[in-house]
Protein backbone atom coordinates (compact mmCIF):
# COMPACT_ATOMS: atom_id res chain seq x y z
CA MET A 1 0.00 0.00 0.00
CA ILE A 2 2.78 2.42 0.91
CA VAL A 3 4.61 1.56 -2.31
CA PHE A 4 1.45 2.26 -4.33
CA VAL A 5 0.94 5.66 -2.67
CA GLY A 6 4.62 6.51 -3.18
CA CYS A 7 4.47 5.63 -6.89
CA ALA A 8 1.24 7.61 -7.31
CA MET A 9 2.80 10.70 -5.70
CA LEU A 10 5.89 10.34 -7.85
CA LEU A 11 3.88 10.12 -11.08
CA LEU A 12 1.40 12.85 -10.20
CA GLY A 13 4.01 15.17 -8.73
CA SER A 14 6.15 15.45 -11.82
CA SER A 15 4.78 16.98 -14.98
CA CYS A 16 6.07 16.63 -18.51
CA VAL A 17 4.86 20.09 -19.46
CA VAL A 18 7.61 22.61 -20.05
CA HIS A 19 6.78 26.30 -20.03
CA THR A 20 8.96 28.52 -22.18
CA ARG A 21 8.77 32.20 -22.86
CA PRO A 22 9.11 33.54 -26.39
CA ALA A 23 12.24 35.50 -27.11
CA HIS A 24 11.69 39.23 -26.90
CA THR A 25 12.33 40.85 -30.24
CA HIS A 26 13.26 44.47 -30.42
CA ALA A 27 12.39 45.10 -34.04
CA VAL A 28 12.73 48.65 -35.27
CA VAL A 29 9.84 49.55 -37.54
CA ILE A 30 10.60 52.00 -40.32
CA LYS A 31 7.43 53.83 -41.31
CA LYS A 32 8.40 54.82 -44.85
CA ALA A 33 10.94 53.39 -47.28
CA PRO A 34 13.32 55.84 -48.96
CA ARG A 35 12.77 56.74 -52.59
CA TYR A 36 15.87 54.86 -53.75
CA HIS A 37 14.68 51.47 -52.39
CA LYS A 38 14.61 48.39 -54.62
CA VAL A 39 12.09 45.55 -54.64
CA VAL A 40 13.55 42.03 -54.83
CA VAL A 41 11.78 38.67 -54.88
CA VAL A 42 13.42 35.78 -53.02
CA LYS A 43 11.69 32.38 -53.13
CA GLY A 44 8.43 34.00 -54.11
CA LYS A 45 8.44 36.54 -51.28
CA ARG A 46 8.80 40.27 -51.82
CA TYR A 47 11.52 42.11 -49.93
CA TYR A 48 12.57 45.72 -50.03
CA THR A 49 16.24 46.62 -49.98
CA TRP A 50 18.20 49.79 -49.35
CA GLY A 51 21.52 50.51 -47.73
CA GLY A 52 22.64 46.90 -48.20
CA LYS A 53 19.90 45.54 -45.92
CA HIS A 54 16.66 43.71 -46.67
CA TYR A 55 13.31 44.65 -45.17
CA ARG A 56 9.88 43.01 -45.06
CA LYS A 57 6.73 45.07 -45.36
CA THR A 58 4.23 44.83 -42.49
CA ASN A 59 1.07 46.68 -41.58
CA ARG A 60 3.05 49.05 -39.36
CA GLY A 61 5.96 49.66 -41.74
CA PHE A 62 9.18 47.92 -42.75
CA VAL A 63 11.09 45.49 -40.52
CA PHE A 64 14.72 44.41 -41.01
CA VAL A 65 15.17 40.73 -41.94
CA ARG A 66 18.14 38.48 -42.61
CA ILE A 67 17.96 36.52 -45.83
C-alpha cells in the first residue's frame, strides 16, 4: 500500500509540461521606405532593400530581416 501511494505521488508530482517564454524581439519599424529602395523577390516573397539591408513590409511599416 505504501509503495502504491509513493508511486502515485511520484507520477502525479512530476509533470512533462515545459513552459517557455518567447524571445523578446526588439524590431525597429521604419514607417516609410526611402525613394531609392529596390524591390527584390526571393523564393516568391517580396523584400525591399536599401543601404545593403533587406526589409519586409508589415502593416506598421518595414522590418529588417536576414535573408
